[in-house]
PDB file of N, CA and C in Angstrom:
ATOM      1  N   MET A   1    -156.440 -47.222-109.267  1.00  0.00           N
ATOM      2  CA  MET A   1    -155.354 -48.151-108.549  1.00  0.00           C
ATOM      3  C   MET A   1    -155.541 -48.907-107.454  1.00  0.00           C
ATOM      4  N   ASP A   2    -156.813 -48.420-106.620  1.00  0.00           N
ATOM      5  CA  ASP A   2    -157.103 -49.141-105.390  1.00  0.00           C
ATOM      6  C   ASP A   2    -158.289 -50.471-106.248  1.00  0.00           C
ATOM      7  N   LYS A   3    -158.732 -50.172-107.122  1.00  0.00           N
ATOM      8  CA  LYS A   3    -159.795 -51.388-107.461  1.00  0.00           C
ATOM      9  C   LYS A   3    -158.565 -52.247-108.019  1.00  0.00           C
ATOM     10  N   ILE A   4    -157.860 -52.296-108.434  1.00  0.00           N
ATOM     11  CA  ILE A   4    -156.834 -53.189-108.754  1.00  0.00           C
ATOM     12  C   ILE A   4    -155.944 -54.066-107.851  1.00  0.00           C
ATOM     13  N   ASN A   5    -155.985 -53.263-106.697  1.00  0.00           N
ATOM     14  CA  ASN A   5    -154.972 -53.621-105.846  1.00  0.00           C
ATOM     15  C   ASN A   5    -156.010 -54.691-104.854  1.00  0.00           C
ATOM     16  N   LYS A   6    -157.402 -54.219-104.589  1.00  0.00           N
ATOM     17  CA  LYS A   6    -158.155 -54.956-104.114  1.00  0.00           C
ATOM     18  C   LYS A   6    -158.384 -56.274-104.901  1.00  0.00           C
ATOM     19  N   ALA A   7    -158.280 -56.061-105.912  1.00  0.00           N
ATOM     20  CA  ALA A   7    -158.580 -56.896-107.173  1.00  0.00           C
ATOM     21  C   ALA A   7    -157.342 -58.205-106.633  1.00  0.00           C
ATOM     22  N   HIS A   8    -156.278 -57.756-106.814  1.00  0.00           N
ATOM     23  CA  HIS A   8    -154.783 -58.760-106.465  1.00  0.00           C
ATOM     24  C   HIS A   8    -155.268 -59.387-105.188  1.00  0.00           C
ATOM     25  N   ASP A   9    -155.433 -58.544-104.169  1.00  0.00           N
ATOM     26  CA  ASP A   9    -155.396 -59.057-102.487  1.00  0.00           C
ATOM     27  C   ASP A   9    -156.953 -60.255-102.408  1.00  0.00           C
ATOM     28  N   LYS A  10    -157.991 -59.756-103.315  1.00  0.00           N
ATOM     29  CA  LYS A  10    -158.842 -60.723-103.217  1.00  0.00           C
ATOM     30  C   LYS A  10    -158.482 -62.043-104.015  1.00  0.00           C
ATOM     31  N   PHE A  11    -157.903 -61.942-105.079  1.00  0.00           N
ATOM     32  CA  PHE A  11    -157.068 -63.023-105.977  1.00  0.00           C
ATOM     33  C   PHE A  11    -156.257 -63.954-105.019  1.00  0.00           C
ATOM     34  N   PHE A  12    -155.455 -62.876-104.181  1.00  0.00           N
ATOM     35  CA  PHE A  12    -154.096 -63.865-103.354  1.00  0.00           C
ATOM     36  C   PHE A  12    -154.900 -64.529-102.425  1.00  0.00           C
ATOM     37  N   LYS A  13    -155.842 -63.895-101.421  1.00  0.00           N
ATOM     38  CA  LYS A  13    -156.587 -64.588-100.267  1.00  0.00           C
ATOM     39  C   LYS A  13    -157.294 -65.604-100.842  1.00  0.00           C
ATOM     40  N   GLU A  14    -157.815 -66.110-102.207  1.00  0.00           N
ATOM     41  CA  GLU A  14    -158.673 -66.682-102.918  1.00  0.00           C
ATOM     42  C   GLU A  14    -157.578 -68.220-103.014  1.00  0.00           C
ATOM     43  N   VAL A  15    -156.505 -68.080-103.336  1.00  0.00           N
ATOM     44  CA  VAL A  15    -155.927 -69.016-104.089  1.00  0.00           C
ATOM     45  C   VAL A  15    -154.668 -69.371-102.872  1.00  0.00           C
ATOM     46  N   LEU A  16    -154.204 -68.554-101.857  1.00  0.00           N
ATOM     47  CA  LEU A  16    -153.262 -69.077-100.725  1.00  0.00           C
ATOM     48  C   LEU A  16    -154.793 -69.506 -99.380  1.00  0.00           C
ATOM     49  N   GLY A  17    -155.799 -68.872 -99.442  1.00  0.00           N
ATOM     50  CA  GLY A  17    -156.746 -69.579 -98.739  1.00  0.00           C
ATOM     51  C   GLY A  17    -157.264 -70.835 -98.835  1.00  0.00           C
ATOM     52  N   ASP A  18    -157.117 -71.903 -99.919  1.00  0.00           N
ATOM     53  CA  ASP A  18    -157.245 -73.070 -99.934  1.00  0.00           C
ATOM     54  C   ASP A  18    -156.006 -74.069 -99.305  1.00  0.00           C
ATOM     55  N   ILE A  19    -156.335 -74.819 -98.269  1.00  0.00           N
ATOM     56  CA  ILE A  19    -155.239 -75.318 -97.338  1.00  0.00           C
ATOM     57  C   ILE A  19    -154.213 -76.253 -98.336  1.00  0.00           C
ATOM     58  N   GLU A  20    -154.879 -76.940 -99.205  1.00  0.00           N
ATOM     59  CA  GLU A  20    -154.126 -77.529 -99.811  1.00  0.00           C
ATOM     60  C   GLU A  20    -152.948 -76.854-100.753  1.00  0.00           C
ATOM     61  N   THR A  21    -153.536 -75.617-101.293  1.00  0.00           N
ATOM     62  CA  THR A  21    -152.332 -74.790-101.935  1.00  0.00           C
ATOM     63  C   THR A  21    -151.613 -74.106-100.900  1.00  0.00           C
ATOM     64  N   ALA A  22    -152.365 -73.603 -99.787  1.00  0.00           N
ATOM     65  CA  ALA A  22    -151.092 -73.309 -98.742  1.00  0.00           C
ATOM     66  C   ALA A  22    -150.018 -74.498 -98.149  1.00  0.00           C
ATOM     67  N   LYS A  23    -150.376 -75.258 -98.254  1.00  0.00           N
ATOM     68  CA  LYS A  23    -149.460 -76.207 -97.801  1.00  0.00           C
ATOM     69  C   LYS A  23    -148.136 -76.593 -98.646  1.00  0.00           C
ATOM     70  N   SER A  24    -148.672 -76.436-100.189  1.00  0.00           N
ATOM     71  CA  SER A  24    -147.807 -76.670-101.589  1.00  0.00           C
ATOM     72  C   SER A  24    -146.508 -75.482-101.223  1.00  0.00           C
ATOM     73  N   PHE A  25    -147.547 -74.431-101.211  1.00  0.00           N
ATOM     74  CA  PHE A  25    -146.389 -73.167-101.288  1.00  0.00           C
ATOM     75  C   PHE A  25    -145.304 -73.269-100.349  1.00  0.00           C
ATOM     76  N   LEU A  26    -145.690 -73.557 -98.730  1.00  0.00           N
ATOM     77  CA  LEU A  26    -145.103 -73.943 -97.670  1.00  0.00           C
ATOM     78  C   LEU A  26    -144.180 -74.683 -98.407  1.00  0.00           C
ATOM     79  N   GLN A  27    -144.179 -75.604 -98.327  1.00  0.00           N
ATOM     80  CA  GLN A  27    -143.565 -76.879 -98.737  1.00  0.00           C
ATOM     81  C   GLN A  27    -142.222 -76.298 -99.676  1.00  0.00           C
ATOM     82  N   HIS A  28    -143.061 -75.525-100.609  1.00  0.00           N
ATOM     83  CA  HIS A  28    -141.923 -75.355-101.751  1.00  0.00           C
ATOM     84  C   HIS A  28    -141.184 -73.592-101.825  1.00  0.00           C
ATOM     85  N   TYR A  29    -141.507 -72.848-100.601  1.00  0.00           N
ATOM     86  CA  TYR A  29    -140.875 -71.643-100.689  1.00  0.00           C
ATOM     87  C   TYR A  29    -140.483 -71.319 -99.418  1.00  0.00           C
ATOM     88  N   LEU A  30    -140.505 -71.933 -98.233  1.00  0.00           N
ATOM     89  CA  LEU A  30    -139.839 -71.431 -97.008  1.00  0.00           C
ATOM     90  C   LEU A  30    -138.789 -72.595 -96.947  1.00  0.00           C
ATOM     91  N   PRO A  31    -137.863 -71.886 -96.060  1.00  0.00           N
ATOM     92  CA  PRO A  31    -136.159 -72.786 -96.197  1.00  0.00           C
ATOM     93  C   PRO A  31    -136.259 -73.802 -95.872  1.00  0.00           C
ATOM     94  N   PRO A  32    -135.896 -75.283 -96.805  1.00  0.00           N
ATOM     95  CA  PRO A  32    -135.855 -76.323 -96.127  1.00  0.00           C
ATOM     96  C   PRO A  32    -135.938 -76.850 -94.417  1.00  0.00           C
ATOM     97  N   LYS A  33    -135.125 -75.596 -93.876  1.00  0.00           N
ATOM     98  CA  LYS A  33    -134.828 -76.187 -92.450  1.00  0.00           C
ATOM     99  C   LYS A  33    -136.022 -75.921 -92.019  1.00  0.00           C
ATOM    100  N   ILE A  34    -136.888 -74.578 -91.986  1.00  0.00           N
ATOM    101  CA  ILE A  34    -138.107 -74.439 -91.582  1.00  0.00           C
ATOM    102  C   ILE A  34    -139.275 -75.266 -91.988  1.00  0.00           C
ATOM    103  N   VAL A  35    -139.274 -75.757 -93.094  1.00  0.00           N
ATOM    104  CA  VAL A  35    -140.059 -76.745 -93.844  1.00  0.00           C
ATOM    105  C   VAL A  35    -140.237 -78.322 -92.924  1.00  0.00           C
ATOM    106  N   ARG A  36    -139.184 -78.846 -92.213  1.00  0.00           N
ATOM    107  CA  ARG A  36    -138.733 -79.817 -91.774  1.00  0.00           C
ATOM    108  C   ARG A  36    -139.109 -79.663 -90.509  1.00  0.00           C
ATOM    109  N   LEU A  37    -139.533 -78.665 -89.903  1.00  0.00           N
ATOM    110  CA  LEU A  37    -140.349 -78.299 -88.382  1.00  0.00           C
ATOM    111  C   LEU A  37    -141.608 -78.380 -88.323  1.00  0.00           C
ATOM    112  N   ILE A  38    -142.128 -78.232 -89.983  1.00  0.00           N
ATOM    113  CA  ILE A  38    -143.545 -77.839 -89.498  1.00  0.00           C
ATOM    114  C   ILE A  38    -144.286 -79.352 -90.189  1.00  0.00           C
ATOM    115  N   ASP A  39    -145.515 -79.092 -89.108  1.00  0.00           N
ATOM    116  CA  ASP A  39    -146.154 -80.199 -89.267  1.00  0.00           C
ATOM    117  C   ASP A  39    -147.522 -80.005 -90.487  1.00  0.00           C
ATOM    118  N   PRO A  40    -147.106 -80.316 -91.598  1.00  0.00           N
ATOM    119  CA  PRO A  40    -147.915 -79.885 -92.518  1.00  0.00           C
ATOM    120  C   PRO A  40    -149.486 -80.291 -92.449  1.00  0.00           C
ATOM    121  N   GLU A  41    -149.645 -80.910 -91.638  1.00  0.00           N
ATOM    122  CA  GLU A  41    -150.889 -81.185 -91.566  1.00  0.00           C
ATOM    123  C   GLU A  41    -151.844 -80.698 -90.435  1.00  0.00           C
ATOM    124  N   SER A  42    -151.072 -79.663 -89.632  1.00  0.00           N
ATOM    125  CA  SER A  42    -151.565 -78.597 -89.001  1.00  0.00           C
ATOM    126  C   SER A  42    -151.982 -77.484 -89.133  1.00  0.00           C
ATOM    127  N   ILE A  43    -151.910 -76.953 -90.703  1.00  0.00           N
ATOM    128  CA  ILE A  43    -151.607 -76.123 -91.091  1.00  0.00           C
ATOM    129  C   ILE A  43    -153.537 -75.749 -90.764  1.00  0.00           C
ATOM    130  N   THR A  44    -153.783 -74.293 -90.204  1.00  0.00           N
ATOM    131  CA  THR A  44    -155.082 -73.948 -90.009  1.00  0.00           C
ATOM    132  C   THR A  44    -154.965 -72.470 -90.302  1.00  0.00           C
ATOM    133  N   ILE A  45    -156.343 -71.553 -91.126  1.00  0.00           N
ATOM    134  CA  ILE A  45    -156.562 -70.521 -91.572  1.00  0.00           C
ATOM    135  C   ILE A  45    -156.808 -69.911 -89.995  1.00  0.00           C
ATOM    136  N   GLU A  46    -156.348 -68.692 -89.613  1.00  0.00           N
ATOM    137  CA  GLU A  46    -156.891 -68.221 -88.184  1.00  0.00           C
ATOM    138  C   GLU A  46    -157.612 -66.979 -89.379  1.00  0.00           C
ATOM    139  N   LYS A  47    -158.619 -66.045 -88.078  1.00  0.00           N
ATOM    140  CA  LYS A  47    -159.116 -65.057 -88.573  1.00  0.00           C
ATOM    141  C   LYS A  47    -158.323 -64.042 -89.291  1.00  0.00           C
ATOM    142  N   ASP A  48    -159.125 -62.651 -89.793  1.00  0.00           N
ATOM    143  CA  ASP A  48    -157.875 -62.272 -90.512  1.00  0.00           C
ATOM    144  C   ASP A  48    -157.752 -60.923 -89.978  1.00  0.00           C
ATOM    145  N   SER A  49    -158.540 -60.632 -88.675  1.00  0.00           N
ATOM    146  CA  SER A  49    -158.151 -59.382 -87.871  1.00  0.00           C
ATOM    147  C   SER A  49    -158.297 -59.857 -86.324  1.00  0.00           C
ATOM    148  N   TYR A  50    -157.419 -58.585 -85.555  1.00  0.00           N
ATOM    149  CA  TYR A  50    -157.502 -58.574 -84.234  1.00  0.00           C
ATOM    150  C   TYR A  50    -157.721 -57.298 -84.045  1.00  0.00           C
ATOM    151  N   VAL A  51    -158.505 -57.304 -82.847  1.00  0.00           N
ATOM    152  CA  VAL A  51    -159.084 -55.837 -82.414  1.00  0.00           C
ATOM    153  C   VAL A  51    -158.506 -55.599 -81.056  1.00  0.00           C
ATOM    154  N   GLU A  52    -157.725 -54.461 -81.064  1.00  0.00           N
ATOM    155  CA  GLU A  52    -156.747 -54.357 -79.452  1.00  0.00           C
ATOM    156  C   GLU A  52    -157.604 -53.637 -78.521  1.00  0.00           C
ATOM    157  N   LYS A  53    -157.168 -53.517 -77.043  1.00  0.00           N
ATOM    158  CA  LYS A  53    -158.041 -53.417 -75.844  1.00  0.00           C
ATOM    159  C   LYS A  53    -158.340 -51.993 -76.864  1.00  0.00           C
ATOM    160  N   ASP A  54    -157.766 -51.163 -77.220  1.00  0.00           N
ATOM    161  CA  ASP A  54    -157.799 -49.671 -77.518  1.00  0.00           C
ATOM    162  C   ASP A  54    -158.833 -49.533 -78.868  1.00  0.00           C
ATOM    163  N   LEU A  55    -159.220 -50.842 -79.095  1.00  0.00           N
ATOM    164  CA  LEU A  55    -160.084 -50.883 -80.372  1.00  0.00           C
ATOM    165  C   LEU A  55    -159.612 -50.485 -81.906  1.00  0.00           C
ATOM    166  N   SER A  56    -158.513 -50.524 -81.578  1.00  0.00           N
ATOM    167  CA  SER A  56    -157.723 -50.279 -82.761  1.00  0.00           C
ATOM    168  C   SER A  56    -158.035 -51.971 -83.717  1.00  0.00           C
ATOM    169  N   GLU A  57    -157.704 -51.747 -84.626  1.00  0.00           N
ATOM    170  CA  GLU A  57    -158.338 -53.114 -85.460  1.00  0.00           C
ATOM    171  C   GLU A  57    -157.060 -53.598 -86.291  1.00  0.00           C
ATOM    172  N   TYR A  58    -156.385 -54.636 -86.374  1.00  0.00           N
ATOM    173  CA  TYR A  58    -155.142 -54.859 -87.281  1.00  0.00           C
ATOM    174  C   TYR A  58    -155.965 -56.122 -88.268  1.00  0.00           C
ATOM    175  N   PHE A  59    -155.948 -56.024 -89.408  1.00  0.00           N
ATOM    176  CA  PHE A  59    -156.366 -56.890 -90.499  1.00  0.00           C
ATOM    177  C   PHE A  59    -154.834 -57.726 -91.333  1.00  0.00           C
ATOM    178  N   PHE A  60    -155.130 -58.880 -91.713  1.00  0.00           N
ATOM    179  CA  PHE A  60    -153.742 -59.706 -92.349  1.00  0.00           C
ATOM    180  C   PHE A  60    -154.481 -60.090 -93.537  1.00  0.00           C
ATOM    181  N   ASP A  61    -153.624 -60.306 -94.336  1.00  0.00           N
ATOM    182  CA  ASP A  61    -154.185 -60.815 -96.018  1.00  0.00           C
ATOM    183  C   ASP A  61    -154.440 -62.219 -95.238  1.00  0.00           C
ATOM    184  N   LEU A  62    -153.708 -62.697 -94.823  1.00  0.00           N
ATOM    185  CA  LEU A  62    -154.028 -64.548 -94.443  1.00  0.00           C
ATOM    186  C   LEU A  62    -152.845 -64.697 -93.274  1.00  0.00           C
ATOM    187  N   LEU A  63    -153.447 -65.262 -92.451  1.00  0.00           N
ATOM    188  CA  LEU A  63    -152.799 -65.689 -91.521  1.00  0.00           C
ATOM    189  C   LEU A  63    -152.793 -67.282 -91.051  1.00  0.00           C
ATOM    190  N   PHE A  64    -151.847 -68.275 -91.027  1.00  0.00           N
ATOM    191  CA  PHE A  64    -151.748 -69.400 -90.923  1.00  0.00           C
ATOM    192  C   PHE A  64    -151.156 -69.679 -89.430  1.00  0.00           C
ATOM    193  N   ARG A  65    -151.437 -70.905 -88.572  1.00  0.00           N
ATOM    194  CA  ARG A  65    -151.377 -71.346 -87.531  1.00  0.00           C
ATOM    195  C   ARG A  65    -150.636 -72.798 -87.835  1.00  0.00           C
ATOM    196  N   VAL A  66    -149.849 -72.973 -87.593  1.00  0.00           N
ATOM    197  CA  VAL A  66    -149.065 -74.164 -87.909  1.00  0.00           C
ATOM    198  C   VAL A  66    -148.255 -74.793 -86.616  1.00  0.00           C
ATOM    199  N   LYS A  67    -148.215 -76.568 -86.312  1.00  0.00           N
ATOM    200  CA  LYS A  67    -147.741 -76.843 -85.341  1.00  0.00           C
ATOM    201  C   LYS A  67    -146.292 -77.240 -86.043  1.00  0.00           C
ATOM    202  N   MET A  68    -145.129 -77.206 -84.729  1.00  0.00           N
ATOM    203  CA  MET A  68    -143.859 -77.555 -85.148  1.00  0.00           C
ATOM    204  C   MET A  68    -143.881 -79.295 -85.039  1.00  0.00           C
ATOM    205  N   GLN A  69    -143.269 -79.799 -85.169  1.00  0.00           N
ATOM    206  CA  GLN A  69    -143.091 -81.093 -85.190  1.00  0.00           C
ATOM    207  C   GLN A  69    -141.831 -81.429 -83.797  1.00  0.00           C
ATOM    208  N   GLN A  70    -141.270 -80.760 -83.793  1.00  0.00           N
ATOM    209  CA  GLN A  70    -140.058 -81.095 -83.162  1.00  0.00           C
ATOM    210  C   GLN A  70    -140.144 -80.494 -81.545  1.00  0.00           C
ATOM    211  N   GLU A  71    -141.169 -79.593 -81.538  1.00  0.00           N
ATOM    212  CA  GLU A  71    -141.360 -79.025 -79.866  1.00  0.00           C
ATOM    213  C   GLU A  71    -142.989 -78.747 -80.273  1.00  0.00           C
ATOM    214  N   GLU A  72    -143.400 -78.563 -78.237  1.00  0.00           N
ATOM    215  CA  GLU A  72    -144.657 -77.932 -78.543  1.00  0.00           C
ATOM    216  C   GLU A  72    -144.911 -76.675 -78.631  1.00  0.00           C
ATOM    217  N   ALA A  73    -144.666 -76.081 -79.726  1.00  0.00           N
ATOM    218  CA  ALA A  73    -144.898 -74.631 -80.151  1.00  0.00           C
ATOM    219  C   ALA A  73    -145.595 -74.589 -81.224  1.00  0.00           C
ATOM    220  N   TYR A  74    -145.965 -73.291 -81.653  1.00  0.00           N
ATOM    221  CA  TYR A  74    -146.640 -72.753 -82.994  1.00  0.00           C
ATOM    222  C   TYR A  74    -146.171 -71.646 -83.799  1.00  0.00           C
ATOM    223  N   VAL A  75    -146.022 -71.640 -84.791  1.00  0.00           N
ATOM    224  CA  VAL A  75    -145.720 -70.752 -85.753  1.00  0.00           C
ATOM    225  C   VAL A  75    -146.918 -70.190 -86.803  1.00  0.00           C
ATOM    226  N   TYR A  76    -146.810 -68.858 -86.231  1.00  0.00           N
ATOM    227  CA  TYR A  76    -147.654 -68.083 -87.103  1.00  0.00           C
ATOM    228  C   TYR A  76    -146.968 -67.535 -88.407  1.00  0.00           C
ATOM    229  N   LEU A  77    -147.395 -67.599 -89.826  1.00  0.00           N
ATOM    230  CA  LEU A  77    -147.182 -67.282 -90.597  1.00  0.00           C
ATOM    231  C   LEU A  77    -148.183 -65.975 -91.486  1.00  0.00           C
ATOM    232  N   LEU A  78    -147.405 -64.997 -91.633  1.00  0.00           N
ATOM    233  CA  LEU A  78    -148.155 -63.969 -91.907  1.00  0.00           C
ATOM    234  C   LEU A  78    -147.851 -63.476 -93.573  1.00  0.00           C
ATOM    235  N   PHE A  79    -149.029 -63.730 -94.079  1.00  0.00           N
ATOM    236  CA  PHE A  79    -148.371 -63.561 -95.871  1.00  0.00           C
ATOM    237  C   PHE A  79    -149.401 -62.041 -96.407  1.00  0.00           C
ATOM    238  N   GLU A  80    -148.456 -61.081 -96.210  1.00  0.00           N
ATOM    239  CA  GLU A  80    -148.690 -59.673 -96.493  1.00  0.00           C
ATOM    240  C   GLU A  80    -148.742 -59.352 -98.060  1.00  0.00           C
ATOM    241  N   HIS A  81    -149.397 -59.366 -99.059  1.00  0.00           N
ATOM    242  CA  HIS A  81    -149.344 -58.982-100.080  1.00  0.00           C
ATOM    243  C   HIS A  81    -148.673 -57.682-100.854  1.00  0.00           C
ATOM    244  N   LYS A  82    -147.856 -56.948-101.211  1.00  0.00           N
ATOM    245  CA  LYS A  82    -147.656 -56.102-101.873  1.00  0.00           C
ATOM    246  C   LYS A  82    -147.585 -55.679-103.210  1.00  0.00           C
ATOM    247  N   SER A  83    -148.519 -54.760-103.759  1.00  0.00           N
ATOM    248  CA  SER A  83    -148.817 -54.493-105.184  1.00  0.00           C
ATOM    249  C   SER A  83    -147.465 -53.710-105.561  1.00  0.00           C
ATOM    250  N   LYS A  84    -147.111 -52.870-104.271  1.00  0.00           N
ATOM    251  CA  LYS A  84    -146.321 -51.697-104.945  1.00  0.00           C
ATOM    252  C   LYS A  84    -145.124 -51.853-103.782  1.00  0.00           C
ATOM    253  N   VAL A  85    -143.778 -51.237-103.881  1.00  0.00           N
ATOM    254  CA  VAL A  85    -142.632 -51.486-102.836  1.00  0.00           C
ATOM    255  C   VAL A  85    -143.456 -49.929-101.814  1.00  0.00           C
ATOM    256  N   ASP A  86    -143.151 -50.770-100.582  1.00  0.00           N
ATOM    257  CA  ASP A  86    -143.572 -50.126 -99.205  1.00  0.00           C
ATOM    258  C   ASP A  86    -141.989 -50.093 -98.102  1.00  0.00           C
ATOM    259  N   LYS A  87    -141.886 -48.484 -97.936  1.00  0.00           N
ATOM    260  CA  LYS A  87    -140.675 -48.478 -97.322  1.00  0.00           C
ATOM    261  C   LYS A  87    -140.886 -48.966 -95.932  1.00  0.00           C
ATOM    262  N   HIS A  88    -142.226 -49.008 -95.128  1.00  0.00           N
ATOM    263  CA  HIS A  88    -142.507 -49.157 -93.692  1.00  0.00           C
ATOM    264  C   HIS A  88    -143.054 -50.652 -93.353  1.00  0.00           C
ATOM    265  N   VAL A  89    -143.205 -51.503 -94.710  1.00  0.00           N
ATOM    266  CA  VAL A  89    -143.398 -52.614 -94.293  1.00  0.00           C
ATOM    267  C   VAL A  89    -142.994 -53.371 -93.166  1.00  0.00           C
ATOM    268  N   SER A  90    -141.913 -53.375 -92.788  1.00  0.00           N
ATOM    269  CA  SER A  90    -141.484 -53.709 -91.536  1.00  0.00           C
ATOM    270  C   SER A  90    -142.282 -53.610 -90.173  1.00  0.00           C
ATOM    271  N   LEU A  91    -142.201 -52.472 -90.218  1.00  0.00           N
ATOM    272  CA  LEU A  91    -143.085 -51.780 -89.250  1.00  0.00           C
ATOM    273  C   LEU A  91    -144.765 -52.112 -89.091  1.00  0.00           C
ATOM    274  N   GLN A  92    -145.153 -52.232 -90.313  1.00  0.00           N
ATOM    275  CA  GLN A  92    -146.481 -53.031 -90.365  1.00  0.00           C
ATOM    276  C   GLN A  92    -146.794 -54.538 -89.916  1.00  0.00           C
ATOM    277  N   LEU A  93    -145.697 -54.884 -90.549  1.00  0.00           N
ATOM    278  CA  LEU A  93    -145.444 -56.598 -90.063  1.00  0.00           C
ATOM    279  C   LEU A  93    -145.061 -56.536 -88.410  1.00  0.00           C
ATOM    280  N   LEU A  94    -144.163 -55.661 -88.065  1.00  0.00           N
ATOM    281  CA  LEU A  94    -143.930 -55.931 -86.492  1.00  0.00           C
ATOM    282  C   LEU A  94    -145.481 -55.390 -85.815  1.00  0.00           C
ATOM    283  N   GLY A  95    -146.316 -54.445 -86.128  1.00  0.00           N
ATOM    284  CA  GLY A  95    -147.436 -54.082 -85.487  1.00  0.00           C
ATOM    285  C   GLY A  95    -148.265 -55.612 -85.801  1.00  0.00           C
ATOM    286  N   TYR A  96    -148.372 -55.990 -86.756  1.00  0.00           N
ATOM    287  CA  TYR A  96    -149.314 -57.544 -86.512  1.00  0.00           C
ATOM    288  C   TYR A  96    -148.503 -58.330 -85.601  1.00  0.00           C
ATOM    289  N   MET A  97    -147.019 -58.486 -85.868  1.00  0.00           N
ATOM    290  CA  MET A  97    -146.947 -59.234 -84.783  1.00  0.00           C
ATOM    291  C   MET A  97    -147.159 -59.413 -83.205  1.00  0.00           C
ATOM    292  N   THR A  98    -147.259 -57.825 -83.040  1.00  0.00           N
ATOM    293  CA  THR A  98    -147.060 -57.491 -81.550  1.00  0.00           C
ATOM    294  C   THR A  98    -148.674 -57.640 -81.008  1.00  0.00           C
ATOM    295  N   SER A  99    -149.633 -57.556 -82.073  1.00  0.00           N
ATOM    296  CA  SER A  99    -150.911 -57.763 -81.977  1.00  0.00           C
ATOM    297  C   SER A  99    -151.105 -59.599 -81.213  1.00  0.00           C
ATOM    298  N   ILE A 100    -150.481 -60.515 -82.505  1.00  0.00           N
ATOM    299  CA  ILE A 100    -150.608 -61.696 -82.065  1.00  0.00           C
ATOM    300  C   ILE A 100    -149.893 -62.115 -80.808  1.00  0.00           C
ATOM    301  N   TRP A 101    -148.837 -61.590 -80.481  1.00  0.00           N
ATOM    302  CA  TRP A 101    -148.261 -61.766 -79.156  1.00  0.00           C
ATOM    303  C   TRP A 101    -149.190 -60.867 -78.083  1.00  0.00           C
ATOM    304  N   LYS A 102    -149.829 -60.355 -77.888  1.00  0.00           N
ATOM    305  CA  LYS A 102    -150.621 -59.794 -77.020  1.00  0.00           C
ATOM    306  C   LYS A 102    -151.597 -60.509 -76.756  1.00  0.00           C
ATOM    307  N   LYS A 103    -152.180 -61.206 -77.637  1.00  0.00           N
ATOM    308  CA  LYS A 103    -153.268 -62.080 -77.588  1.00  0.00           C
ATOM    309  C   LYS A 103    -152.751 -63.535 -76.824  1.00  0.00           C
ATOM    310  N   THR A 104    -151.782 -63.749 -77.000  1.00  0.00           N
ATOM    311  CA  THR A 104    -150.971 -65.302 -76.115  1.00  0.00           C
ATOM    312  C   THR A 104    -150.513 -64.781 -74.755  1.00  0.00           C
ATOM    313  N   VAL A 105    -150.203 -63.640 -74.081  1.00  0.00           N
ATOM    314  CA  VAL A 105    -150.090 -63.127 -73.090  1.00  0.00           C
ATOM    315  C   VAL A 105    -151.184 -63.709 -72.030  1.00  0.00           C
ATOM    316  N   PRO A 106    -150.988 -64.280 -70.731  1.00  0.00           N
ATOM    317  CA  PRO A 106    -149.435 -64.521 -70.144  1.00  0.00           C
ATOM    318  C   PRO A 106    -148.707 -65.984 -70.643  1.00  0.00           C
ATOM    319  N   GLY A 107    -149.049 -66.342 -71.194  1.00  0.00           N
ATOM    320  CA  GLY A 107    -148.717 -67.696 -71.980  1.00  0.00           C
ATOM    321  C   GLY A 107    -147.524 -67.559 -72.916  1.00  0.00           C
ATOM    322  N   PRO A 108    -146.587 -68.599 -73.228  1.00  0.00           N
ATOM    323  CA  PRO A 108    -145.330 -68.190 -74.200  1.00  0.00           C
ATOM    324  C   PRO A 108    -145.492 -67.590 -75.458  1.00  0.00           C
ATOM    325  N   LEU A 109    -144.749 -66.778 -76.034  1.00  0.00           N
ATOM    326  CA  LEU A 109    -144.760 -65.814 -77.221  1.00  0.00           C
ATOM    327  C   LEU A 109    -144.640 -67.085 -78.063  1.00  0.00           C
ATOM    328  N   PRO A 110    -145.594 -67.083 -79.242  1.00  0.00           N
ATOM    329  CA  PRO A 110    -144.958 -68.143 -80.408  1.00  0.00           C
ATOM    330  C   PRO A 110    -144.447 -67.441 -81.332  1.00  0.00           C
ATOM    331  N   VAL A 111    -143.752 -68.619 -82.141  1.00  0.00           N
ATOM    332  CA  VAL A 111    -142.547 -67.882 -83.105  1.00  0.00           C
ATOM    333  C   VAL A 111    -143.525 -67.357 -84.064  1.00  0.00           C
ATOM    334  N   ILE A 112    -142.984 -66.159 -85.135  1.00  0.00           N
ATOM    335  CA  ILE A 112    -143.697 -65.639 -86.114  1.00  0.00           C
ATOM    336  C   ILE A 112    -143.066 -65.347 -87.288  1.00  0.00           C
ATOM    337  N   LEU A 113    -143.493 -66.124 -88.301  1.00  0.00           N
ATOM    338  CA  LEU A 113    -142.896 -65.930 -89.565  1.00  0.00           C
ATOM    339  C   LEU A 113    -143.097 -64.849 -90.449  1.00  0.00           C
ATOM    340  N   PRO A 114    -142.987 -63.801 -91.028  1.00  0.00           N
ATOM    341  CA  PRO A 114    -143.565 -63.157 -91.676  1.00  0.00           C
ATOM    342  C   PRO A 114    -143.054 -63.190 -93.360  1.00  0.00           C
ATOM    343  N   VAL A 115    -144.226 -63.501 -94.150  1.00  0.00           N
ATOM    344  CA  VAL A 115    -143.640 -63.572 -95.568  1.00  0.00           C
ATOM    345  C   VAL A 115    -144.290 -62.525 -96.229  1.00  0.00           C
ATOM    346  N   VAL A 116    -143.502 -61.833 -97.168  1.00  0.00           N
ATOM    347  CA  VAL A 116    -144.206 -60.531 -97.929  1.00  0.00           C
ATOM    348  C   VAL A 116    -143.787 -60.984 -99.352  1.00  0.00           C
ATOM    349  N   LEU A 117    -145.193 -61.205 -99.652  1.00  0.00           N
ATOM    350  CA  LEU A 117    -145.124 -61.495-101.467  1.00  0.00           C
ATOM    351  C   LEU A 117    -145.062 -59.992-102.299  1.00  0.00           C
TER     352      LEU A 117
END
């Protein structure tokens, strides 16, 4: 089973790791109000892990950074692929989000939009 999950993860990262595919995905599957705020030309792929001060490491399936058109802010889009139901995925995503926010202190905290597939 672990081998299958890794194959799914690899496929997922390969497909959505392409910037043009990611742009298309975001434009077609995010709510229209959010799509209107995002500058699609600003999409960049961030590194897939962060190391905390206590040396714990967080891994993301895919993490995109996009600039918002209406204001000088950033939105981080977390894509977390799940092959099966995970009752605690919200806690996992909260940990990822907290890790990202810690990296921005003392600056303003960016908006984070978690997307679970």
